Amino acid sequence: MTKWTNRDKIWNTALKKTDEIRPEAFALAIGISERTARDCLETMHESGVLAKQGGKGREPAVYTSLVDHPEE
């Protein structure tokens, strides 16, 4: 059986979110380090699956999913 890594948890959870993702709160919510969350969310942004606002200097970054979510 394959074990999920923290990065797997981040990708899976972030792609399902329809609201904004703030790394600090996101890390706390899924039980991972803030550094891991920031690094992985930035990789997702660079890959084109998350949009990013802010994050320059001390300004906090806020991410949003660019994946289409079906209406429920």
C-alpha atoms as a PDB file:
ATOM      1  CA  MET A   1       0.000   0.000   0.000  1.00  0.00           C
ATOM      2  CA  THR A   2       1.319   3.441  -0.926  1.00  0.00           C
ATOM      3  CA  LYS A   3       1.824   5.948   1.875  1.00  0.00           C
ATOM      4  CA  TRP A   4       0.820   9.561   1.264  1.00  0.00           C
ATOM      5  CA  THR A   5       3.509  12.160   1.874  1.00  0.00           C
ATOM      6  CA  ASN A   6       2.885  15.648   3.245  1.00  0.00           C
ATOM      7  CA  ARG A   7       3.207  17.007  -0.280  1.00  0.00           C
ATOM      8  CA  ASP A   8       0.524  14.565  -1.457  1.00  0.00           C
ATOM      9  CA  LYS A   9      -1.770  15.900   1.284  1.00  0.00           C
ATOM     10  CA  ILE A  10      -1.060  19.479   0.235  1.00  0.00           C
ATOM     11  CA  TRP A  11      -1.749  18.878  -3.474  1.00  0.00           C
ATOM     12  CA  ASN A  12      -4.909  16.873  -2.793  1.00  0.00           C
ATOM     13  CA  THR A  13      -6.329  19.362  -0.311  1.00  0.00           C
ATOM     14  CA  ALA A  14      -5.337  22.542  -2.178  1.00  0.00           C
ATOM     15  CA  LEU A  15      -6.828  21.418  -5.479  1.00  0.00           C
ATOM     16  CA  LYS A  16     -10.191  20.768  -3.801  1.00  0.00           C
ATOM     17  CA  LYS A  17     -10.408  24.185  -2.132  1.00  0.00           C
ATOM     18  CA  THR A  18     -12.651  26.792  -3.699  1.00  0.00           C
ATOM     19  CA  ASP A  19     -11.664  29.639  -1.370  1.00  0.00           C
ATOM     20  CA  GLU A  20      -8.308  31.301  -0.746  1.00  0.00           C
ATOM     21  CA  ILE A  21      -5.385  29.417   0.751  1.00  0.00           C
ATOM     22  CA  ARG A  22      -3.166  31.138   3.308  1.00  0.00           C
ATOM     23  CA  PRO A  23      -0.068  29.018   3.995  1.00  0.00           C
ATOM     24  CA  GLU A  24      -0.028  29.520   7.778  1.00  0.00           C
ATOM     25  CA  ALA A  25      -3.664  28.511   8.365  1.00  0.00           C
ATOM     26  CA  PHE A  26      -3.493  25.808   5.689  1.00  0.00           C
ATOM     27  CA  ALA A  27      -0.465  24.163   7.334  1.00  0.00           C
ATOM     28  CA  LEU A  28      -2.145  24.180  10.727  1.00  0.00           C
ATOM     29  CA  ALA A  29      -5.391  22.754   9.328  1.00  0.00           C
ATOM     30  CA  ILE A  30      -3.753  19.723   7.698  1.00  0.00           C
ATOM     31  CA  GLY A  31      -1.043  19.182  10.309  1.00  0.00           C
ATOM     32  CA  ILE A  32       2.153  20.002   8.409  1.00  0.00           C
ATOM     33  CA  SER A  33       4.940  22.540   8.813  1.00  0.00           C
ATOM     34  CA  GLU A  34       4.394  26.044   7.486  1.00  0.00           C
ATOM     35  CA  ARG A  35       7.658  25.838   5.527  1.00  0.00           C
ATOM     36  CA  THR A  36       6.538  22.659   3.727  1.00  0.00           C
ATOM     37  CA  ALA A  37       3.171  24.237   2.938  1.00  0.00           C
ATOM     38  CA  ARG A  38       4.762  27.418   1.540  1.00  0.00           C
ATOM     39  CA  ASP A  39       7.279  25.487  -0.563  1.00  0.00           C
ATOM     40  CA  CYS A  40       4.684  23.152  -2.030  1.00  0.00           C
ATOM     41  CA  LEU A  41       2.106  25.893  -2.653  1.00  0.00           C
ATOM     42  CA  GLU A  42       4.785  27.902  -4.463  1.00  0.00           C
ATOM     43  CA  THR A  43       5.616  24.860  -6.617  1.00  0.00           C
ATOM     44  CA  MET A  44       1.909  24.506  -7.425  1.00  0.00           C
ATOM     45  CA  HIS A  45       1.810  28.203  -8.387  1.00  0.00           C
ATOM     46  CA  GLU A  46       4.855  27.808 -10.645  1.00  0.00           C
ATOM     47  CA  SER A  47       3.171  24.759 -12.235  1.00  0.00           C
ATOM     48  CA  GLY A  48       0.106  26.818 -13.093  1.00  0.00           C
ATOM     49  CA  VAL A  49      -2.494  25.168 -10.856  1.00  0.00           C
ATOM     50  CA  LEU A  50      -2.652  27.945  -8.241  1.00  0.00           C
ATOM     51  CA  ALA A  51      -2.850  31.719  -8.630  1.00  0.00           C
ATOM     52  CA  LYS A  52      -0.862  33.810  -6.168  1.00  0.00           C
ATOM     53  CA  GLN A  53      -1.436  37.271  -4.777  1.00  0.00           C
ATOM     54  CA  GLY A  54       1.048  39.080  -2.558  1.00  0.00           C
ATOM     55  CA  GLY A  55       4.065  37.345  -1.121  1.00  0.00           C
ATOM     56  CA  LYS A  56       6.575  40.104  -1.745  1.00  0.00           C
ATOM     57  CA  GLY A  57       8.769  41.012   1.209  1.00  0.00           C
ATOM     58  CA  ARG A  58       6.758  40.643   4.396  1.00  0.00           C
ATOM     59  CA  GLU A  59       3.416  40.731   2.583  1.00  0.00           C
ATOM     60  CA  PRO A  60       1.649  37.375   3.094  1.00  0.00           C
ATOM     61  CA  ALA A  61       0.959  35.248   0.041  1.00  0.00           C
ATOM     62  CA  VAL A  62      -2.581  34.117  -0.724  1.00  0.00           C
ATOM     63  CA  TYR A  63      -3.208  31.304  -3.213  1.00  0.00           C
ATOM     64  CA  THR A  64      -6.344  30.264  -5.074  1.00  0.00           C
ATOM     65  CA  SER A  65      -6.967  27.156  -7.134  1.00  0.00           C
ATOM     66  CA  LEU A  66      -7.153  27.531 -10.910  1.00  0.00           C
ATOM     67  CA  VAL A  67      -8.800  24.110 -11.249  1.00  0.00           C
ATOM     68  CA  ASP A  68     -12.436  24.117 -12.373  1.00  0.00           C
ATOM     69  CA  HIS A  69     -14.678  22.802  -9.624  1.00  0.00           C
ATOM     70  CA  PRO A  70     -17.989  21.255 -10.655  1.00  0.00           C
ATOM     71  CA  GLU A  71     -21.034  22.968  -9.213  1.00  0.00           C
ATOM     72  CA  GLU A  72     -22.586  20.937  -6.427  1.00  0.00           C
END
